[in-house]
N, C-alpha and C. Protein backbone atom coordinates (compact mmCIF):
# COMPACT_ATOMS: atom_id res chain seq x y z
N MET A 1 93.28 110.49 107.90
CA MET A 1 91.66 110.83 107.97
C MET A 1 91.58 112.11 108.79
N LYS A 2 90.69 113.07 108.51
CA LYS A 2 90.70 114.68 109.32
C LYS A 2 89.47 115.08 109.12
N ASP A 3 88.99 115.11 110.34
CA ASP A 3 87.34 115.74 110.28
C ASP A 3 86.62 114.65 109.51
N GLY A 4 86.93 113.71 109.82
CA GLY A 4 85.68 112.56 109.04
C GLY A 4 86.20 112.39 107.72
N LEU A 5 86.92 113.19 106.71
CA LEU A 5 87.10 112.79 105.50
C LEU A 5 88.42 112.09 105.54
N PHE A 6 88.38 111.36 104.20
CA PHE A 6 89.91 110.96 103.94
C PHE A 6 90.33 110.99 102.72
N SER A 7 91.52 110.88 102.51
CA SER A 7 92.37 111.29 101.27
C SER A 7 92.54 110.11 100.38
N PHE A 8 91.96 110.63 98.93
CA PHE A 8 91.84 109.42 97.81
C PHE A 8 93.14 109.09 97.44
N ASP A 9 94.07 109.63 98.06
CA ASP A 9 95.36 109.26 97.90
C ASP A 9 95.88 108.12 99.09
N ASP A 10 95.19 107.75 99.86
CA ASP A 10 95.43 106.76 101.12
C ASP A 10 95.62 105.63 100.19
N PRO A 11 96.84 105.18 100.79
CA PRO A 11 96.80 103.37 99.74
C PRO A 11 96.25 102.42 100.39
N ILE A 12 95.70 102.70 101.67
CA ILE A 12 94.61 101.32 101.96
C ILE A 12 93.27 101.50 101.07
N PHE A 13 92.89 102.87 101.13
CA PHE A 13 91.78 103.19 100.30
C PHE A 13 91.93 102.47 98.85
N LYS A 14 92.91 102.93 98.21
CA LYS A 14 93.32 102.67 96.74
C LYS A 14 92.85 101.02 96.59
N GLU A 15 93.72 100.38 97.88
CA GLU A 15 94.01 98.98 97.74
C GLU A 15 92.45 98.19 98.04
N ARG A 16 91.90 98.62 98.96
CA ARG A 16 90.26 98.13 99.00
C ARG A 16 89.20 98.63 98.36
N ASN A 17 89.25 100.02 97.55
CA ASN A 17 88.27 100.66 96.81
C ASN A 17 87.58 99.47 95.83
N GLY A 18 86.39 99.33 95.80
CA GLY A 18 85.54 98.36 94.80
C GLY A 18 85.78 96.82 95.04
N LYS A 19 86.15 96.63 96.46
CA LYS A 19 86.74 94.95 96.46
C LYS A 19 85.59 94.83 97.86
N LYS A 20 85.10 93.72 98.13
CA LYS A 20 84.88 93.02 99.29
C LYS A 20 85.41 91.61 99.83
N ALA A 21 85.39 91.41 100.75
CA ALA A 21 86.43 90.48 101.58
C ALA A 21 85.88 89.41 101.07
N LEU A 22 86.83 88.17 101.18
CA LEU A 22 86.53 86.79 100.86
C LEU A 22 87.21 85.90 101.69
N TYR A 23 86.19 85.27 102.51
CA TYR A 23 86.69 84.20 103.67
C TYR A 23 87.23 82.91 102.95
N ILE A 24 88.47 82.48 103.40
CA ILE A 24 88.53 81.16 103.31
C ILE A 24 89.25 80.41 104.12
N ASP A 25 89.48 78.71 104.25
CA ASP A 25 89.85 78.36 104.98
C ASP A 25 91.25 78.70 105.24
N ARG A 26 92.05 78.65 106.82
CA ARG A 26 92.76 79.06 107.42
C ARG A 26 93.83 78.47 106.72
N ASP A 27 93.66 77.02 106.82
CA ASP A 27 95.07 76.24 106.15
C ASP A 27 95.18 76.09 104.82
N LEU A 28 94.13 76.59 103.89
CA LEU A 28 94.04 76.99 102.29
C LEU A 28 95.14 78.49 102.26
N LEU A 29 94.92 79.40 103.22
CA LEU A 29 95.43 80.29 103.47
C LEU A 29 97.16 80.52 103.48
N VAL A 30 97.15 79.57 104.22
CA VAL A 30 98.40 79.15 104.92
C VAL A 30 99.02 78.44 103.35
N ASP A 31 98.69 77.96 102.71
CA ASP A 31 99.51 77.11 101.47
C ASP A 31 99.30 78.16 100.25
N LEU A 32 98.38 79.00 100.37
CA LEU A 32 98.31 80.34 99.29
C LEU A 32 99.75 81.39 99.59
N LYS A 33 99.70 81.64 100.91
CA LYS A 33 101.06 82.23 101.23
C LYS A 33 102.44 81.50 100.75
N ALA A 34 102.16 80.25 101.18
CA ALA A 34 103.78 79.44 100.94
C ALA A 34 104.23 79.55 99.20
N PHE A 35 102.85 79.05 98.56
CA PHE A 35 102.81 79.32 97.01
C PHE A 35 103.35 80.44 96.81
N ALA A 36 102.86 81.56 97.06
CA ALA A 36 103.24 83.06 96.63
C ALA A 36 104.30 83.36 97.16
N LYS A 37 105.28 82.81 97.94
CA LYS A 37 106.17 83.25 98.66
C LYS A 37 107.55 82.43 97.81
N ALA A 38 106.68 81.28 97.31
CA ALA A 38 108.04 80.07 96.62
C ALA A 38 107.77 80.55 95.15
N ASN A 39 106.86 81.33 94.61
CA ASN A 39 107.07 82.10 93.48
C ASN A 39 107.31 83.10 93.34
N SER A 40 107.93 84.01 94.39
CA SER A 40 108.11 85.47 94.75
C SER A 40 106.50 86.09 93.94
N LYS A 41 105.65 85.91 94.39
CA LYS A 41 104.32 86.37 93.73
C LYS A 41 103.64 87.18 94.76
N CYS A 42 102.54 88.35 95.02
CA CYS A 42 101.53 88.38 95.98
C CYS A 42 100.64 87.19 95.92
N PRO A 43 100.06 87.35 97.10
CA PRO A 43 99.17 86.05 97.05
C PRO A 43 97.31 86.44 96.54
N GLN A 44 97.58 87.88 96.82
CA GLN A 44 96.26 88.38 96.35
C GLN A 44 96.30 88.21 94.89
N ASN A 45 97.26 88.75 94.53
CA ASN A 45 97.25 88.37 92.92
C ASN A 45 97.07 87.16 92.03
N ILE A 46 97.47 86.05 93.11
CA ILE A 46 97.47 84.41 92.74
C ILE A 46 95.98 84.21 92.92
N ALA A 47 95.57 84.69 94.12
CA ALA A 47 94.08 83.89 94.20
C ALA A 47 92.86 84.92 93.29
N GLU A 48 93.12 85.96 92.87
CA GLU A 48 92.36 87.01 92.18
C GLU A 48 92.47 86.53 90.89
N TYR A 49 93.69 85.95 90.21
CA TYR A 49 93.94 85.37 89.05
C TYR A 49 93.57 83.87 88.92
N ALA A 50 93.47 83.33 89.92
CA ALA A 50 93.21 81.89 89.62
C ALA A 50 91.46 82.05 89.76
N LEU A 51 91.27 82.67 90.74
CA LEU A 51 89.58 82.75 90.66
C LEU A 51 88.79 82.92 89.38
N ARG A 52 89.40 83.99 88.90
CA ARG A 52 88.71 84.63 87.30
C ARG A 52 89.30 83.69 86.51
N LEU A 53 90.21 82.91 86.24
CA LEU A 53 90.35 82.42 85.26
C LEU A 53 89.48 81.04 85.26
N LEU A 54 89.32 80.59 86.39
CA LEU A 54 88.37 79.19 86.64
C LEU A 54 86.75 79.44 86.51
N ILE A 55 86.58 80.48 87.26
CA ILE A 55 85.11 81.10 86.91
C ILE A 55 84.80 81.03 85.15
N HIS A 56 85.78 81.77 84.52
CA HIS A 56 85.67 82.05 83.10
C HIS A 56 86.16 80.93 82.14
N SER A 57 86.46 79.85 82.64
CA SER A 57 86.81 78.77 82.18
C SER A 57 86.14 78.09 80.96
N ASN A 58 84.54 78.13 81.23
CA ASN A 58 83.60 77.45 80.42
C ASN A 58 83.93 76.01 80.33
N ASN A 59 84.51 75.14 81.61
CA ASN A 59 84.39 73.98 81.92
C ASN A 59 85.74 73.38 80.98
N GLN A 60 86.31 74.01 81.06
CA GLN A 60 87.83 73.57 80.31
C GLN A 60 88.87 73.17 81.33
N LYS A 61 90.25 72.62 80.69
CA LYS A 61 91.11 72.35 81.39
C LYS A 61 91.72 73.79 81.50
N VAL A 62 92.12 74.00 82.89
CA VAL A 62 93.03 75.45 83.27
C VAL A 62 94.42 75.16 83.49
N LEU A 63 95.31 75.99 83.22
CA LEU A 63 96.59 75.53 83.48
C LEU A 63 97.21 76.98 83.94
N LEU A 64 97.54 77.09 85.22
CA LEU A 64 97.85 78.24 86.04
C LEU A 64 99.10 78.77 85.69
N ASP A 65 99.14 79.83 85.15
CA ASP A 65 100.49 80.53 84.73
C ASP A 65 100.84 81.86 85.74
N VAL A 66 101.25 81.35 86.60
CA VAL A 66 101.88 82.42 87.49
C VAL A 66 103.01 83.17 87.63
N ASP A 67 103.76 82.86 86.41
CA ASP A 67 104.93 83.36 86.16
C ASP A 67 104.67 84.95 85.48
N SER A 68 103.21 84.48 84.81
CA SER A 68 103.14 85.86 84.34
C SER A 68 102.64 87.03 85.15
N LEU A 69 102.22 86.83 86.47
CA LEU A 69 101.93 87.70 87.07
C LEU A 69 102.73 88.17 87.65
């Protein structure tokens, strides 16, 4: 940041742009991180994928395909 301005190429800005914080239980976060590490995936990608899939499932049974992430 220079003179109160930021760069649009800033990696933190790119990561957070258009997103809001989501607060979850700390034990669930520990489990999510362990699950992500065991599957060599990003915890954020897994959480976003799972939430999006569950919200749009129309009450159908859902199978998470973590390998495709």
